[in-house]
Amino acid sequence: MKQVYFLVAVLALASSLASAYDPSPLQDFCVAINETDGVFVNGKFCKDPKLVKAEDFFIHVEPGNTANPLGSQVTPVFVDQLPGLNTLGISLARIDFAPKGLNPPHTHPRGTEILIVLEGTLYVGFVTSNQDNNRLFTKVLNKGDVFVFPIGLIHFQLNVGYGNAVAISGLSSQNPGTIIIANALFKANPPISPEVLSKAFQVDKKVIDQLQKNSWYDNN
């Protein structure tokens, strides 16, 4: 009998962990609202359904300003920008690239990304985890091409064409999160100990000191 109870407990725990990602909605919608009381679902309070309007599900996205050190700009359409996404488990982003512009190596800890090129030519890729020997998968994408970046893996996009480029990314979370690798390591607040980084990268501490002094741009 104890074994049966243990099995039930394990299954219950597994089912609770499975719902840790964006849950399937149990209502038509749960428009996010900046309130301090009410129904709290998946990190946001829900707007009274009787007060919801079409504008809660609408946003206009302008081209991003690529006049920055990276030559790229990500314009997110996550739940913070579009309240109607709350509990729906999806979001997107527009990515604009100047010639040779880079969306630097980064991860989305809570979402898989699927990207389609609208204009231009992009060199894209991702790196697998340690258990898969950090294999690099790359592809040159042209207009109309689609590429998938698995959840949590480091990936990037570089404009290798002669003109501007534009891409749209769909993500499997209303709030997938973004961690730009260089910014996280060299722009942490407070800073990561140079001793830690110099040993991790097997370089002189002076190299780390210089990297931490650099101005790391965030294009998100």
Protein backbone atom coordinates (compact mmCIF):
# COMPACT_ATOMS: atom_id res chain seq x y z
CA MET A 1 0.00 0.00 0.00
CA LYS A 2 2.88 2.37 0.80
CA GLN A 3 4.22 1.82 -2.71
CA VAL A 4 0.86 2.84 -4.18
CA TYR A 5 0.81 6.05 -2.11
CA PHE A 6 4.39 6.80 -3.17
CA LEU A 7 3.52 6.32 -6.85
CA VAL A 8 0.50 8.62 -6.53
CA ALA A 9 2.67 11.24 -4.84
CA VAL A 10 5.29 11.07 -7.61
CA LEU A 11 2.63 11.40 -10.32
CA ALA A 12 1.09 14.37 -8.52
CA LEU A 13 4.49 16.05 -8.28
CA ALA A 14 5.19 15.40 -11.96
CA SER A 15 1.87 16.90 -12.99
CA SER A 16 2.49 19.99 -10.87
CA LEU A 17 5.93 20.45 -12.45
CA ALA A 18 4.49 20.05 -15.93
CA SER A 19 2.24 23.05 -15.33
CA ALA A 20 5.19 25.27 -14.42
CA TYR A 21 5.33 26.54 -18.02
CA ASP A 22 2.67 28.88 -19.41
CA PRO A 23 -0.55 27.04 -18.46
CA SER A 24 -3.36 26.26 -20.83
CA PRO A 25 -6.08 28.86 -20.20
CA LEU A 26 -9.32 27.76 -18.58
CA GLN A 27 -11.17 30.79 -19.93
CA ASP A 28 -11.38 32.65 -23.26
CA PHE A 29 -8.82 35.22 -22.14
CA CYS A 30 -7.22 36.79 -19.09
CA VAL A 31 -6.07 40.26 -20.16
CA ALA A 32 -3.21 41.46 -17.95
CA ILE A 33 -3.74 44.60 -15.92
CA ASN A 34 -1.51 46.57 -13.54
CA GLU A 35 -3.50 46.12 -10.34
CA THR A 36 -2.69 45.00 -6.80
CA ASP A 37 -5.75 42.85 -6.20
CA GLY A 38 -8.12 40.63 -8.14
CA VAL A 39 -7.51 37.34 -9.94
CA PHE A 40 -3.73 36.70 -10.25
CA VAL A 41 -2.89 34.32 -13.14
CA ASN A 42 0.62 33.45 -14.36
CA GLY A 43 2.31 36.54 -12.95
CA LYS A 44 -0.39 39.05 -13.91
CA PHE A 45 -3.73 40.21 -12.53
CA CYS A 46 -6.70 39.68 -14.85
CA LYS A 47 -8.81 42.52 -16.13
CA ASP A 48 -12.54 42.24 -15.51
CA PRO A 49 -13.80 40.40 -18.65
CA LYS A 50 -16.70 42.84 -18.92
CA LEU A 51 -14.20 45.70 -19.34
CA VAL A 52 -12.02 44.00 -21.97
CA LYS A 53 -11.96 45.67 -25.41
CA ALA A 54 -10.39 45.04 -28.81
CA GLU A 55 -7.46 47.34 -28.02
CA ASP A 56 -6.31 44.88 -25.33
CA PHE A 57 -5.41 42.45 -28.13
CA PHE A 58 -3.83 44.99 -30.52
CA ILE A 59 -0.44 46.65 -30.92
CA HIS A 60 1.34 48.42 -33.80
CA VAL A 61 5.04 47.69 -34.22
CA GLU A 62 7.37 50.24 -35.82
CA PRO A 63 10.76 49.40 -37.37
CA GLY A 64 13.52 49.38 -34.75
CA ASN A 65 16.35 51.92 -34.58
CA THR A 66 19.55 50.12 -35.63
CA ALA A 67 21.85 53.12 -35.07
CA ASN A 68 23.65 51.48 -32.15
CA PRO A 69 26.92 49.56 -31.57
CA LEU A 70 25.32 46.21 -32.49
CA GLY A 71 23.52 47.47 -35.56
CA SER A 72 20.32 45.69 -34.56
CA GLN A 73 17.18 46.31 -32.56
CA VAL A 74 14.73 43.81 -31.08
CA THR A 75 11.18 45.07 -30.60
CA PRO A 76 9.42 42.61 -28.28
CA VAL A 77 5.70 41.96 -28.26
CA PHE A 78 5.47 40.14 -24.94
CA VAL A 79 2.73 40.29 -22.32
CA ASP A 80 4.11 43.58 -20.96
CA GLN A 81 3.59 45.18 -24.37
CA LEU A 82 0.37 43.34 -25.32
CA PRO A 83 -1.80 42.56 -22.26
CA GLY A 84 -4.09 40.23 -24.23
CA LEU A 85 -1.25 37.67 -24.44
CA ASN A 86 -1.59 36.80 -20.75
CA THR A 87 -2.05 32.99 -20.27
CA LEU A 88 -1.96 32.35 -24.04
CA GLY A 89 1.62 30.99 -24.06
CA ILE A 90 2.88 32.84 -27.14
CA SER A 91 4.64 36.08 -28.07
CA LEU A 92 6.75 37.51 -30.86
CA ALA A 93 9.46 40.01 -31.63
CA ARG A 94 10.49 42.07 -34.64
CA ILE A 95 14.25 42.19 -35.26
CA ASP A 96 15.73 44.91 -37.46
CA PHE A 97 19.31 44.72 -38.73
CA ALA A 98 21.55 47.33 -40.32
CA PRO A 99 24.17 45.97 -42.75
CA LYS A 100 26.49 43.67 -40.72
CA GLY A 101 24.17 44.12 -37.72
CA LEU A 102 24.25 41.44 -35.03
CA ASN A 103 21.69 40.12 -32.58
CA PRO A 104 24.36 38.83 -30.18
CA PRO A 105 24.53 35.40 -28.54
CA HIS A 106 21.66 35.11 -26.06
CA THR A 107 19.14 32.67 -24.64
CA HIS A 108 15.42 32.62 -23.89
CA PRO A 109 15.11 30.59 -20.67
CA ARG A 110 11.36 30.13 -21.00
CA GLY A 111 10.69 29.81 -24.71
CA THR A 112 11.52 28.10 -27.98
CA GLU A 113 11.97 30.57 -30.85
CA ILE A 114 10.96 30.20 -34.50
CA LEU A 115 12.27 32.87 -36.87
CA ILE A 116 11.23 33.88 -40.39
CA VAL A 117 13.24 36.29 -42.53
CA LEU A 118 11.12 39.01 -44.13
CA GLU A 119 13.94 40.89 -45.85
CA GLY A 120 17.67 40.38 -46.31
CA THR A 121 20.11 37.57 -45.58
CA LEU A 122 20.95 36.31 -42.09
CA TYR A 123 23.59 33.92 -40.80
CA VAL A 124 21.99 32.23 -37.77
CA GLY A 125 22.94 29.48 -35.37
CA PHE A 126 22.64 27.86 -31.96
CA VAL A 127 24.91 25.84 -29.68
CA THR A 128 23.76 22.66 -27.96
CA SER A 129 24.29 21.87 -24.27
CA ASN A 130 27.38 20.32 -22.67
CA GLN A 131 25.79 16.85 -22.76
CA ASP A 132 25.66 17.15 -26.57
CA ASN A 133 29.28 18.38 -26.75
CA ASN A 134 28.31 22.01 -27.51
CA ARG A 135 27.65 21.35 -31.17
CA LEU A 136 27.10 24.40 -33.38
CA PHE A 137 24.24 24.39 -35.90
CA THR A 138 24.28 27.25 -38.45
CA LYS A 139 22.42 28.24 -41.59
CA VAL A 140 22.31 31.17 -43.99
CA LEU A 141 18.71 32.33 -44.32
CA ASN A 142 17.14 34.36 -47.11
CA LYS A 143 13.73 35.97 -47.48
CA GLY A 144 11.01 33.48 -46.58
CA ASP A 145 13.33 31.03 -44.81
CA VAL A 146 12.42 29.73 -41.34
CA PHE A 147 14.70 28.46 -38.55
CA VAL A 148 14.04 27.14 -35.03
CA PHE A 149 16.11 27.80 -31.89
CA PRO A 150 15.34 25.23 -29.14
CA ILE A 151 14.37 26.51 -25.70
CA GLY A 152 17.21 27.73 -23.48
CA LEU A 153 20.04 27.27 -26.01
CA ILE A 154 22.48 30.05 -26.90
CA HIS A 155 21.75 31.46 -30.36
CA PHE A 156 22.45 34.48 -32.59
CA GLN A 157 21.63 36.19 -35.90
CA LEU A 158 24.05 38.19 -38.10
CA ASN A 159 23.14 40.22 -41.17
CA VAL A 160 25.51 39.02 -43.90
CA GLY A 161 23.72 40.78 -46.75
CA TYR A 162 24.50 44.16 -48.31
CA GLY A 163 21.35 45.93 -47.16
CA ASN A 164 19.05 46.04 -44.15
CA ALA A 165 17.36 42.88 -42.90
CA VAL A 166 14.13 42.22 -41.01
CA ALA A 167 12.95 39.08 -39.22
CA ILE A 168 10.02 38.07 -37.06
CA SER A 169 10.46 35.65 -34.16
CA GLY A 170 7.63 33.68 -32.61
CA LEU A 171 8.19 32.42 -29.05
CA SER A 172 6.44 29.72 -27.04
CA SER A 173 5.87 31.86 -23.95
CA GLN A 174 4.08 35.09 -23.16
CA ASN A 175 7.27 36.18 -21.38
CA PRO A 176 10.21 34.10 -22.68
CA GLY A 177 12.92 36.21 -21.07
CA THR A 178 16.22 37.19 -22.70
CA ILE A 179 19.76 36.73 -21.38
CA ILE A 180 22.45 38.36 -23.53
CA ILE A 181 25.57 36.35 -22.71
CA ALA A 182 28.17 39.14 -22.82
CA ASN A 183 25.97 41.54 -20.85
CA ALA A 184 25.20 38.93 -18.19
CA LEU A 185 28.87 38.09 -17.68
CA PHE A 186 30.53 41.51 -17.98
CA LYS A 187 27.71 43.89 -17.01
CA ALA A 188 26.30 42.03 -13.99
CA ASN A 189 25.17 44.22 -11.10
CA PRO A 190 27.09 43.96 -8.83
CA PRO A 191 29.98 42.76 -11.02
CA ILE A 192 31.06 39.12 -11.05
CA SER A 193 34.46 38.72 -9.42
CA PRO A 194 37.26 39.07 -12.02
CA GLU A 195 38.92 36.09 -10.35
CA VAL A 196 35.92 33.95 -11.25
CA LEU A 197 35.82 35.14 -14.86
CA SER A 198 39.57 35.02 -15.47
CA LYS A 199 39.68 31.41 -14.27
CA ALA A 200 36.56 30.46 -16.21
CA PHE A 201 37.90 31.91 -19.47
CA GLN A 202 41.54 31.01 -18.75
CA VAL A 203 42.76 34.54 -19.48
CA ASP A 204 44.70 37.18 -17.56
CA LYS A 205 42.71 39.24 -15.06
CA LYS A 206 43.63 42.39 -17.05
CA VAL A 207 41.56 41.07 -19.96
CA ILE A 208 38.53 40.65 -17.69
CA ASP A 209 39.07 44.10 -16.15
CA GLN A 210 38.99 45.61 -19.63
CA LEU A 211 35.88 43.68 -20.63
CA GLN A 212 34.05 44.79 -17.48
CA LYS A 213 34.96 48.40 -18.22
CA ASN A 214 33.49 48.20 -21.72
CA SER A 215 30.03 49.60 -22.42
CA TRP A 216 27.81 46.61 -23.30
CA TYR A 217 24.77 47.62 -25.32
CA ASP A 218 21.40 45.96 -24.79
CA ASN A 219 19.46 45.84 -28.07
CA ASN A 220 16.28 44.44 -26.48
